């Protein structure tokens, strides 16, 4: 059993749960590899056992059985830039707050190993979206994909932008808004949800276009097939606008066309029987908690 461990939030309470995980993995004689900066922060001093380390460019391959992310949903989004197209299944131990992706409570960290060994899980393929534009190749390089969403938005102005939108080369509309979100089913519970978009189950083969504060008031979120090619062109009072891929962001000159499609690979997420997507919805969105019930 080969396990990679990663985290980007450095709270002292994390060390206790990290040590619990390592103890449980040791019982299974697992081979453990830890991200370099995470290891240096928590385990490099006073640790009697040496662990192998990995970075964004080395130390991981498709032979790993599990990638454990310590943090919130943002940490899992960052974890995808390590895993890329290697197909390593990811599971999140939630040391943050909301946690639609990072669902395991840190107090239950031993169950991550126990339930995996017991086979009490399924692997869910999460689709990604990919950005294609020569102007941003230098900014994003081979990390031109996003698990949650790709967003275009205004920059250096309080004025709205116009997002001219085409689906499979057919004109859809021009959104007059603060921006436009193109979200995957995974991202439907993120930024898109807060802008009025629908919740989409992770296995749906869909994307959702969600305008951000649109001034054309009849503009509504639109669910489309994930086989659709989306072409955008932004205009506005300023010379540039922002393009973000999850947490990675760059500036692009207005008038440049960008194309967004489903990526040609997916991210594998470990969904434990005890922590299903529907259970997460009930817990995080408080469904069924109405006192009238």
C-alpha atoms as a PDB file:
ATOM      1  CA  UNK A   1       0.000   0.000   0.000  1.00  0.00           C
ATOM      2  CA  UNK A   2       1.490   3.334  -1.096  1.00  0.00           C
ATOM      3  CA  UNK A   3       0.138   6.566   0.355  1.00  0.00           C
ATOM      4  CA  UNK A   4       1.016  10.209  -0.345  1.00  0.00           C
ATOM      5  CA  UNK A   5       0.224  12.890   2.262  1.00  0.00           C
ATOM      6  CA  UNK A   6      -0.146  16.603   1.606  1.00  0.00           C
ATOM      7  CA  UNK A   7      -1.330  19.724   3.426  1.00  0.00           C
ATOM      8  CA  UNK A   8      -0.967  23.475   3.130  1.00  0.00           C
ATOM      9  CA  UNK A   9      -2.553  24.740   6.362  1.00  0.00           C
ATOM     10  CA  UNK A  10      -0.093  24.840   9.204  1.00  0.00           C
ATOM     11  CA  UNK A  11      -2.053  24.639  12.441  1.00  0.00           C
ATOM     12  CA  UNK A  12      -0.376  23.044  15.420  1.00  0.00           C
ATOM     13  CA  UNK A  13      -3.445  20.892  16.088  1.00  0.00           C
ATOM     14  CA  UNK A  14      -2.868  19.130  12.762  1.00  0.00           C
ATOM     15  CA  UNK A  15       0.240  17.314  14.037  1.00  0.00           C
ATOM     16  CA  UNK A  16      -1.795  15.140  16.406  1.00  0.00           C
ATOM     17  CA  UNK A  17      -4.094  13.930  13.649  1.00  0.00           C
ATOM     18  CA  UNK A  18      -1.200  13.509  11.225  1.00  0.00           C
ATOM     19  CA  UNK A  19       0.567  11.272  13.735  1.00  0.00           C
ATOM     20  CA  UNK A  20      -2.624   9.245  14.185  1.00  0.00           C
ATOM     21  CA  UNK A  21      -2.796   8.702  10.435  1.00  0.00           C
ATOM     22  CA  UNK A  22       0.868   7.698  10.270  1.00  0.00           C
ATOM     23  CA  UNK A  23       0.373   5.262  13.155  1.00  0.00           C
ATOM     24  CA  UNK A  24      -2.570   3.628  11.393  1.00  0.00           C
ATOM     25  CA  UNK A  25      -0.619   3.397   8.140  1.00  0.00           C
ATOM     26  CA  UNK A  26       2.299   1.828   9.973  1.00  0.00           C
ATOM     27  CA  UNK A  27      -0.024  -0.934  11.209  1.00  0.00           C
ATOM     28  CA  UNK A  28      -0.723  -1.746   7.547  1.00  0.00           C
ATOM     29  CA  UNK A  29       3.000  -1.622   6.678  1.00  0.00           C
ATOM     30  CA  UNK A  30       2.215   1.109   4.169  1.00  0.00           C
ATOM     31  CA  UNK A  31       4.839   2.972   2.185  1.00  0.00           C
ATOM     32  CA  UNK A  32       4.345   6.658   3.009  1.00  0.00           C
ATOM     33  CA  UNK A  33       5.559   9.651   0.999  1.00  0.00           C
ATOM     34  CA  UNK A  34       4.991  13.201   2.293  1.00  0.00           C
ATOM     35  CA  UNK A  35       5.011  16.509   0.426  1.00  0.00           C
ATOM     36  CA  UNK A  36       8.297  18.306   1.070  1.00  0.00           C
ATOM     37  CA  UNK A  37       7.057  21.515   2.710  1.00  0.00           C
ATOM     38  CA  UNK A  38       4.436  19.684   4.774  1.00  0.00           C
ATOM     39  CA  UNK A  39       7.109  17.275   6.001  1.00  0.00           C
ATOM     40  CA  UNK A  40       9.561  20.068   6.838  1.00  0.00           C
ATOM     41  CA  UNK A  41       6.960  21.893   8.903  1.00  0.00           C
ATOM     42  CA  UNK A  42       5.646  18.991  10.963  1.00  0.00           C
ATOM     43  CA  UNK A  43       8.045  16.082  10.946  1.00  0.00           C
ATOM     44  CA  UNK A  44      11.585  17.189  10.135  1.00  0.00           C
ATOM     45  CA  UNK A  45      12.421  17.967  13.787  1.00  0.00           C
ATOM     46  CA  UNK A  46      12.328  15.401  16.568  1.00  0.00           C
ATOM     47  CA  UNK A  47      11.048  12.640  14.305  1.00  0.00           C
ATOM     48  CA  UNK A  48      12.723   9.274  14.638  1.00  0.00           C
ATOM     49  CA  UNK A  49      11.447   7.927  11.309  1.00  0.00           C
ATOM     50  CA  UNK A  50      12.531   9.291   7.964  1.00  0.00           C
ATOM     51  CA  UNK A  51       9.940   9.536   5.203  1.00  0.00           C
ATOM     52  CA  UNK A  52      10.374   9.909   1.491  1.00  0.00           C
ATOM     53  CA  UNK A  53       9.182  13.230   0.104  1.00  0.00           C
ATOM     54  CA  UNK A  54       7.535  14.413  -3.097  1.00  0.00           C
ATOM     55  CA  UNK A  55       7.201  17.753  -4.876  1.00  0.00           C
ATOM     56  CA  UNK A  56       5.123  19.045  -7.784  1.00  0.00           C
ATOM     57  CA  UNK A  57       7.747  17.768 -10.199  1.00  0.00           C
ATOM     58  CA  UNK A  58       8.919  14.483  -8.660  1.00  0.00           C
ATOM     59  CA  UNK A  59       8.170  11.659  -6.244  1.00  0.00           C
ATOM     60  CA  UNK A  60       4.682  10.637  -7.404  1.00  0.00           C
ATOM     61  CA  UNK A  61       3.554   8.093  -9.979  1.00  0.00           C
ATOM     62  CA  UNK A  62       0.501   6.005 -10.836  1.00  0.00           C
ATOM     63  CA  UNK A  63       1.489   3.214  -8.437  1.00  0.00           C
ATOM     64  CA  UNK A  64       0.100   5.099  -5.406  1.00  0.00           C
ATOM     65  CA  UNK A  65      -3.108   3.778  -3.854  1.00  0.00           C
ATOM     66  CA  UNK A  66      -4.158   6.969  -2.065  1.00  0.00           C
ATOM     67  CA  UNK A  67      -3.391  10.686  -1.795  1.00  0.00           C
ATOM     68  CA  UNK A  68      -4.464  12.119   1.592  1.00  0.00           C
ATOM     69  CA  UNK A  69      -5.070  15.868   1.716  1.00  0.00           C
ATOM     70  CA  UNK A  70      -5.037  17.639   5.108  1.00  0.00           C
ATOM     71  CA  UNK A  71      -6.992  20.911   4.983  1.00  0.00           C
ATOM     72  CA  UNK A  72     -10.169  22.213   3.402  1.00  0.00           C
ATOM     73  CA  UNK A  73     -11.546  22.136  -0.110  1.00  0.00           C
ATOM     74  CA  UNK A  74      -8.897  24.603  -1.272  1.00  0.00           C
ATOM     75  CA  UNK A  75      -6.202  22.122  -0.276  1.00  0.00           C
ATOM     76  CA  UNK A  76      -7.791  19.426  -2.439  1.00  0.00           C
ATOM     77  CA  UNK A  77      -7.938  21.858  -5.369  1.00  0.00           C
ATOM     78  CA  UNK A  78      -4.214  22.404  -4.866  1.00  0.00           C
ATOM     79  CA  UNK A  79      -3.686  18.637  -4.528  1.00  0.00           C
ATOM     80  CA  UNK A  80      -4.953  18.146  -8.080  1.00  0.00           C
ATOM     81  CA  UNK A  81      -1.924  20.060  -9.363  1.00  0.00           C
ATOM     82  CA  UNK A  82       0.288  17.377  -7.804  1.00  0.00           C
ATOM     83  CA  UNK A  83      -1.784  14.404  -8.974  1.00  0.00           C
ATOM     84  CA  UNK A  84      -2.529  15.767 -12.473  1.00  0.00           C
ATOM     85  CA  UNK A  85      -3.335  12.875 -14.817  1.00  0.00           C
ATOM     86  CA  UNK A  86      -1.662  10.126 -12.762  1.00  0.00           C
ATOM     87  CA  UNK A  87      -4.982   8.740 -11.536  1.00  0.00           C
ATOM     88  CA  UNK A  88      -4.079   8.612  -7.830  1.00  0.00           C
ATOM     89  CA  UNK A  89      -7.324   8.551  -5.769  1.00  0.00           C
ATOM     90  CA  UNK A  90      -7.654  11.558  -3.431  1.00  0.00           C
ATOM     91  CA  UNK A  91      -9.328  11.734  -0.024  1.00  0.00           C
ATOM     92  CA  UNK A  92      -9.601  14.860   2.146  1.00  0.00           C
ATOM     93  CA  UNK A  93      -9.238  15.121   5.921  1.00  0.00           C
ATOM     94  CA  UNK A  94     -11.062  18.307   6.838  1.00  0.00           C
ATOM     95  CA  UNK A  95      -9.151  20.701   9.085  1.00  0.00           C
ATOM     96  CA  UNK A  96     -11.040  23.652   7.584  1.00  0.00           C
ATOM     97  CA  UNK A  97     -14.681  24.688   7.729  1.00  0.00           C
ATOM     98  CA  UNK A  98     -17.170  23.809   5.010  1.00  0.00           C
ATOM     99  CA  UNK A  99     -15.669  20.834   3.236  1.00  0.00           C
ATOM    100  CA  UNK A 100     -17.753  19.586   0.289  1.00  0.00           C
ATOM    101  CA  UNK A 101     -14.642  17.819  -1.039  1.00  0.00           C
ATOM    102  CA  UNK A 102     -12.686  17.354   2.164  1.00  0.00           C
ATOM    103  CA  UNK A 103     -15.358  15.399   4.003  1.00  0.00           C
ATOM    104  CA  UNK A 104     -13.572  13.326   6.644  1.00  0.00           C
ATOM    105  CA  UNK A 105     -13.517  14.877  10.105  1.00  0.00           C
ATOM    106  CA  UNK A 106      -9.977  15.120  11.431  1.00  0.00           C
ATOM    107  CA  UNK A 107     -11.106  13.298  14.583  1.00  0.00           C
ATOM    108  CA  UNK A 108     -11.950  10.280  12.379  1.00  0.00           C
ATOM    109  CA  UNK A 109      -8.612  10.225  10.576  1.00  0.00           C
ATOM    110  CA  UNK A 110      -7.919   6.573  11.452  1.00  0.00           C
ATOM    111  CA  UNK A 111     -11.053   5.571   9.550  1.00  0.00           C
ATOM    112  CA  UNK A 112      -9.438   6.852   6.354  1.00  0.00           C
ATOM    113  CA  UNK A 113      -7.125   3.843   6.488  1.00  0.00           C
ATOM    114  CA  UNK A 114      -9.418   1.320   8.159  1.00  0.00           C
ATOM    115  CA  UNK A 115     -12.342   1.797   5.788  1.00  0.00           C
ATOM    116  CA  UNK A 116     -10.042   1.837   2.771  1.00  0.00           C
ATOM    117  CA  UNK A 117      -8.499  -1.477   3.798  1.00  0.00           C
ATOM    118  CA  UNK A 118     -11.990  -2.864   4.461  1.00  0.00           C
ATOM    119  CA  UNK A 119     -13.074  -1.831   0.956  1.00  0.00           C
ATOM    120  CA  UNK A 120     -15.895   0.389   2.269  1.00  0.00           C
ATOM    121  CA  UNK A 121     -15.562   2.955  -0.498  1.00  0.00           C
ATOM    122  CA  UNK A 122     -16.063   3.655  -4.179  1.00  0.00           C
ATOM    123  CA  UNK A 123     -13.913   5.613  -6.621  1.00  0.00           C
ATOM    124  CA  UNK A 124     -15.763   8.540  -8.200  1.00  0.00           C
ATOM    125  CA  UNK A 125     -14.370  10.102 -11.364  1.00  0.00           C
ATOM    126  CA  UNK A 126     -14.502  13.905 -11.178  1.00  0.00           C
ATOM    127  CA  UNK A 127     -14.359  15.740 -14.500  1.00  0.00           C
ATOM    128  CA  UNK A 128     -12.244  18.858 -15.002  1.00  0.00           C
ATOM    129  CA  UNK A 129     -12.387  21.829 -17.333  1.00  0.00           C
ATOM    130  CA  UNK A 130      -9.429  22.915 -19.417  1.00  0.00           C
ATOM    131  CA  UNK A 131      -8.487  26.335 -20.749  1.00  0.00           C
ATOM    132  CA  UNK A 132      -7.035  26.792 -24.224  1.00  0.00           C
ATOM    133  CA  UNK A 133      -5.521  30.111 -25.192  1.00  0.00           C
ATOM    134  CA  UNK A 134      -1.994  30.848 -26.365  1.00  0.00           C
ATOM    135  CA  UNK A 135      -1.904  34.095 -24.432  1.00  0.00           C
ATOM    136  CA  UNK A 136      -2.066  32.267 -21.086  1.00  0.00           C
ATOM    137  CA  UNK A 137       0.245  29.338 -21.835  1.00  0.00           C
ATOM    138  CA  UNK A 138       3.128  31.071 -20.069  1.00  0.00           C
ATOM    139  CA  UNK A 139       0.952  31.821 -17.020  1.00  0.00           C
ATOM    140  CA  UNK A 140      -0.536  28.374 -16.429  1.00  0.00           C
ATOM    141  CA  UNK A 141       1.796  26.062 -18.362  1.00  0.00           C
ATOM    142  CA  UNK A 142       0.616  22.445 -18.073  1.00  0.00           C
ATOM    143  CA  UNK A 143      -1.657  23.411 -15.150  1.00  0.00           C
ATOM    144  CA  UNK A 144      -4.303  24.760 -17.520  1.00  0.00           C
ATOM    145  CA  UNK A 145      -7.097  22.733 -15.887  1.00  0.00           C
ATOM    146  CA  UNK A 146      -9.497  23.226 -12.986  1.00  0.00           C
ATOM    147  CA  UNK A 147     -11.485  20.834 -10.822  1.00  0.00           C
ATOM    148  CA  UNK A 148     -14.045  23.405  -9.630  1.00  0.00           C
ATOM    149  CA  UNK A 149     -14.375  26.141 -12.208  1.00  0.00           C
ATOM    150  CA  UNK A 150     -12.850  28.500 -14.730  1.00  0.00           C
ATOM    151  CA  UNK A 151     -13.976  32.092 -14.202  1.00  0.00           C
ATOM    152  CA  UNK A 152     -13.611  35.297 -16.178  1.00  0.00           C
ATOM    153  CA  UNK A 153     -14.186  38.461 -14.162  1.00  0.00           C
ATOM    154  CA  UNK A 154     -13.604  42.205 -14.128  1.00  0.00           C
ATOM    155  CA  UNK A 155     -10.271  43.725 -13.113  1.00  0.00           C
ATOM    156  CA  UNK A 156      -9.295  47.151 -11.758  1.00  0.00           C
ATOM    157  CA  UNK A 157     -12.781  48.530 -12.191  1.00  0.00           C
ATOM    158  CA  UNK A 158     -16.209  48.682 -10.610  1.00  0.00           C
ATOM    159  CA  UNK A 159     -17.790  48.632 -14.078  1.00  0.00           C
ATOM    160  CA  UNK A 160     -19.287  45.464 -15.478  1.00  0.00           C
ATOM    161  CA  UNK A 161     -17.762  43.529 -18.334  1.00  0.00           C
ATOM    162  CA  UNK A 162     -19.449  41.990 -21.378  1.00  0.00           C
ATOM    163  CA  UNK A 163     -18.776  38.282 -21.884  1.00  0.00           C
ATOM    164  CA  UNK A 164     -19.617  37.226 -25.439  1.00  0.00           C
ATOM    165  CA  UNK A 165     -20.396  33.528 -25.246  1.00  0.00           C
ATOM    166  CA  UNK A 166     -20.518  30.802 -27.911  1.00  0.00           C
ATOM    167  CA  UNK A 167     -21.421  27.115 -27.448  1.00  0.00           C
ATOM    168  CA  UNK A 168     -20.026  24.807 -30.140  1.00  0.00           C
ATOM    169  CA  UNK A 169     -19.449  27.930 -32.255  1.00  0.00           C
ATOM    170  CA  UNK A 170     -23.098  28.994 -32.019  1.00  0.00           C
ATOM    171  CA  UNK A 171     -23.728  32.362 -30.386  1.00  0.00           C
ATOM    172  CA  UNK A 172     -25.525  32.052 -27.029  1.00  0.00           C
ATOM    173  CA  UNK A 173     -25.609  35.536 -25.490  1.00  0.00           C
ATOM    174  CA  UNK A 174     -23.482  38.374 -24.184  1.00  0.00           C
ATOM    175  CA  UNK A 175     -23.508  38.440 -20.395  1.00  0.00           C
ATOM    176  CA  UNK A 176     -23.358  41.965 -18.991  1.00  0.00           C
ATOM    177  CA  UNK A 177     -22.077  41.146 -15.514  1.00  0.00           C
ATOM    178  CA  UNK A 178     -19.184  41.114 -13.083  1.00  0.00           C
ATOM    179  CA  UNK A 179     -18.065  37.869 -14.696  1.00  0.00           C
ATOM    180  CA  UNK A 180     -18.981  34.358 -15.760  1.00  0.00           C
ATOM    181  CA  UNK A 181     -18.299  31.015 -14.048  1.00  0.00           C
ATOM    182  CA  UNK A 182     -17.927  27.771 -15.993  1.00  0.00           C
ATOM    183  CA  UNK A 183     -18.238  25.123 -13.295  1.00  0.00           C
ATOM    184  CA  UNK A 184     -17.947  21.354 -13.239  1.00  0.00           C
ATOM    185  CA  UNK A 185     -20.351  19.220 -11.177  1.00  0.00           C
ATOM    186  CA  UNK A 186     -17.684  19.287  -8.448  1.00  0.00           C
ATOM    187  CA  UNK A 187     -17.575  23.091  -8.619  1.00  0.00           C
ATOM    188  CA  UNK A 188     -21.359  23.385  -8.546  1.00  0.00           C
ATOM    189  CA  UNK A 189     -21.212  23.463  -4.726  1.00  0.00           C
ATOM    190  CA  UNK A 190     -18.570  26.211  -4.735  1.00  0.00           C
ATOM    191  CA  UNK A 191     -18.488  29.707  -6.260  1.00  0.00           C
ATOM    192  CA  UNK A 192     -21.282  28.831  -8.683  1.00  0.00           C
ATOM    193  CA  UNK A 193     -23.621  27.871  -5.837  1.00  0.00           C
ATOM    194  CA  UNK A 194     -23.040  31.178  -4.061  1.00  0.00           C
ATOM    195  CA  UNK A 195     -23.986  32.973  -7.309  1.00  0.00           C
ATOM    196  CA  UNK A 196     -27.289  31.131  -7.594  1.00  0.00           C
ATOM    197  CA  UNK A 197     -26.193  28.094  -9.590  1.00  0.00           C
ATOM    198  CA  UNK A 198     -27.684  24.603  -9.144  1.00  0.00           C
ATOM    199  CA  UNK A 199     -26.224  21.697  -7.190  1.00  0.00           C
ATOM    200  CA  UNK A 200     -25.123  18.969  -9.626  1.00  0.00           C
ATOM    201  CA  UNK A 201     -24.205  15.442  -8.537  1.00  0.00           C
ATOM    202  CA  UNK A 202     -20.528  14.630  -9.239  1.00  0.00           C
ATOM    203  CA  UNK A 203     -21.277  11.887 -11.779  1.00  0.00           C
ATOM    204  CA  UNK A 204     -23.472  14.076 -14.019  1.00  0.00           C
ATOM    205  CA  UNK A 205     -21.902  14.704 -17.416  1.00  0.00           C
ATOM    206  CA  UNK A 206     -22.636  18.411 -17.304  1.00  0.00           C
ATOM    207  CA  UNK A 207     -21.164  21.863 -16.959  1.00  0.00           C
ATOM    208  CA  UNK A 208     -22.957  24.959 -15.678  1.00  0.00           C
ATOM    209  CA  UNK A 209     -22.574  28.545 -16.878  1.00  0.00           C
ATOM    210  CA  UNK A 210     -23.317  30.878 -13.970  1.00  0.00           C
ATOM    211  CA  UNK A 211     -23.177  34.665 -14.455  1.00  0.00           C
ATOM    212  CA  UNK A 212     -21.826  36.745 -11.573  1.00  0.00           C
ATOM    213  CA  UNK A 213     -24.227  39.559 -10.650  1.00  0.00           C
ATOM    214  CA  UNK A 214     -25.666  39.936 -14.178  1.00  0.00           C
ATOM    215  CA  UNK A 215     -27.333  43.211 -15.103  1.00  0.00           C
ATOM    216  CA  UNK A 216     -29.449  41.523 -17.777  1.00  0.00           C
ATOM    217  CA  UNK A 217     -31.837  40.253 -15.121  1.00  0.00           C
ATOM    218  CA  UNK A 218     -33.268  37.446 -17.264  1.00  0.00           C
ATOM    219  CA  UNK A 219     -29.856  35.746 -17.404  1.00  0.00           C
ATOM    220  CA  UNK A 220     -29.977  32.499 -15.452  1.00  0.00           C
ATOM    221  CA  UNK A 221     -27.505  29.685 -14.809  1.00  0.00           C
ATOM    222  CA  UNK A 222     -27.440  27.291 -17.759  1.00  0.00           C
ATOM    223  CA  UNK A 223     -26.624  23.570 -17.513  1.00  0.00           C
ATOM    224  CA  UNK A 224     -25.009  22.145 -20.658  1.00  0.00           C
ATOM    225  CA  UNK A 225     -23.401  18.891 -21.798  1.00  0.00           C
ATOM    226  CA  UNK A 226     -19.777  18.535 -20.757  1.00  0.00           C
ATOM    227  CA  UNK A 227     -18.968  17.706 -24.393  1.00  0.00           C
ATOM    228  CA  UNK A 228     -19.690  21.338 -25.301  1.00  0.00           C
ATOM    229  CA  UNK A 229     -16.903  23.621 -26.503  1.00  0.00           C
ATOM    230  CA  UNK A 230     -17.281  27.059 -24.878  1.00  0.00           C
ATOM    231  CA  UNK A 231     -15.765  30.144 -26.476  1.00  0.00           C
ATOM    232  CA  UNK A 232     -15.610  33.477 -24.639  1.00  0.00           C
ATOM    233  CA  UNK A 233     -14.534  36.993 -25.546  1.00  0.00           C
ATOM    234  CA  UNK A 234     -14.553  39.780 -22.967  1.00  0.00           C
ATOM    235  CA  UNK A 235     -14.920  43.514 -23.533  1.00  0.00           C
ATOM    236  CA  UNK A 236     -15.180  46.392 -21.090  1.00  0.00           C
ATOM    237  CA  UNK A 237     -13.886  49.797 -20.034  1.00  0.00           C
ATOM    238  CA  UNK A 238     -10.540  48.481 -18.825  1.00  0.00           C
ATOM    239  CA  UNK A 239      -7.907  46.898 -21.063  1.00  0.00           C
ATOM    240  CA  UNK A 240      -7.667  43.629 -19.144  1.00  0.00           C
ATOM    241  CA  UNK A 241      -9.799  41.134 -17.264  1.00  0.00           C
ATOM    242  CA  UNK A 242      -9.049  38.242 -14.941  1.00  0.00           C
ATOM    243  CA  UNK A 243      -9.088  34.529 -15.709  1.00  0.00           C
ATOM    244  CA  UNK A 244      -8.985  32.105 -12.792  1.00  0.00           C
ATOM    245  CA  UNK A 245      -8.578  28.338 -12.702  1.00  0.00           C
ATOM    246  CA  UNK A 246      -9.684  27.322  -9.217  1.00  0.00           C
ATOM    247  CA  UNK A 247      -7.216  29.315  -7.082  1.00  0.00           C
ATOM    248  CA  UNK A 248      -4.764  30.164  -9.880  1.00  0.00           C
ATOM    249  CA  UNK A 249      -5.301  33.533 -11.527  1.00  0.00           C
ATOM    250  CA  UNK A 250      -3.924  35.541 -14.451  1.00  0.00           C
ATOM    251  CA  UNK A 251      -4.669  38.707 -16.378  1.00  0.00           C
ATOM    252  CA  UNK A 252      -5.733  38.636 -20.027  1.00  0.00           C
ATOM    253  CA  UNK A 253      -6.142  41.460 -22.518  1.00  0.00           C
ATOM    254  CA  UNK A 254      -9.742  42.182 -23.499  1.00  0.00           C
ATOM    255  CA  UNK A 255     -10.787  40.931 -26.904  1.00  0.00           C
ATOM    256  CA  UNK A 256      -8.706  37.752 -26.741  1.00  0.00           C
ATOM    257  CA  UNK A 257     -10.742  34.614 -27.323  1.00  0.00           C
ATOM    258  CA  UNK A 258     -10.465  31.748 -24.863  1.00  0.00           C
ATOM    259  CA  UNK A 259     -11.808  28.239 -25.352  1.00  0.00           C
ATOM    260  CA  UNK A 260     -12.948  26.029 -22.486  1.00  0.00           C
ATOM    261  CA  UNK A 261     -13.566  22.294 -22.809  1.00  0.00           C
ATOM    262  CA  UNK A 262     -13.742  19.245 -20.597  1.00  0.00           C
ATOM    263  CA  UNK A 263     -10.210  18.053 -19.859  1.00  0.00           C
ATOM    264  CA  UNK A 264      -9.085  14.782 -21.406  1.00  0.00           C
ATOM    265  CA  UNK A 265      -8.437  13.249 -17.973  1.00  0.00           C
ATOM    266  CA  UNK A 266     -10.312  13.108 -14.685  1.00  0.00           C
ATOM    267  CA  UNK A 267      -9.500  13.194 -10.976  1.00  0.00           C
ATOM    268  CA  UNK A 268     -10.348  10.157  -8.868  1.00  0.00           C
ATOM    269  CA  UNK A 269     -11.935  10.876  -5.504  1.00  0.00           C
ATOM    270  CA  UNK A 270     -12.387   8.245  -2.800  1.00  0.00           C
ATOM    271  CA  UNK A 271     -15.991   8.324  -1.599  1.00  0.00           C
ATOM    272  CA  UNK A 272     -16.345   6.304   1.579  1.00  0.00           C
ATOM    273  CA  UNK A 273     -19.628   4.557   2.268  1.00  0.00           C
ATOM    274  CA  UNK A 274     -19.849   6.467   5.571  1.00  0.00           C
ATOM    275  CA  UNK A 275     -19.222   9.840   3.871  1.00  0.00           C
ATOM    276  CA  UNK A 276     -21.373   9.868   0.714  1.00  0.00           C
ATOM    277  CA  UNK A 277     -22.086  12.943  -1.404  1.00  0.00           C
ATOM    278  CA  UNK A 278     -25.744  13.001  -0.375  1.00  0.00           C
ATOM    279  CA  UNK A 279     -24.791  12.785   3.293  1.00  0.00           C
ATOM    280  CA  UNK A 280     -22.398  15.683   2.748  1.00  0.00           C
ATOM    281  CA  UNK A 281     -25.190  17.750   1.177  1.00  0.00           C
ATOM    282  CA  UNK A 282     -27.467  17.102   4.135  1.00  0.00           C
ATOM    283  CA  UNK A 283     -24.748  17.993   6.632  1.00  0.00           C
ATOM    284  CA  UNK A 284     -23.299  21.063   4.897  1.00  0.00           C
ATOM    285  CA  UNK A 285     -26.512  22.598   3.556  1.00  0.00           C
ATOM    286  CA  UNK A 286     -28.573  21.591   6.603  1.00  0.00           C
ATOM    287  CA  UNK A 287     -31.175  19.862   4.446  1.00  0.00           C
ATOM    288  CA  UNK A 288     -33.918  18.390   6.625  1.00  0.00           C
ATOM    289  CA  UNK A 289     -32.968  20.587   9.585  1.00  0.00           C
ATOM    290  CA  UNK A 290     -36.122  22.721   9.372  1.00  0.00           C
ATOM    291  CA  UNK A 291     -37.651  22.760  12.868  1.00  0.00           C
ATOM    292  CA  UNK A 292     -41.071  22.289  11.323  1.00  0.00           C
ATOM    293  CA  UNK A 293     -40.108  18.735  10.383  1.00  0.00           C
END
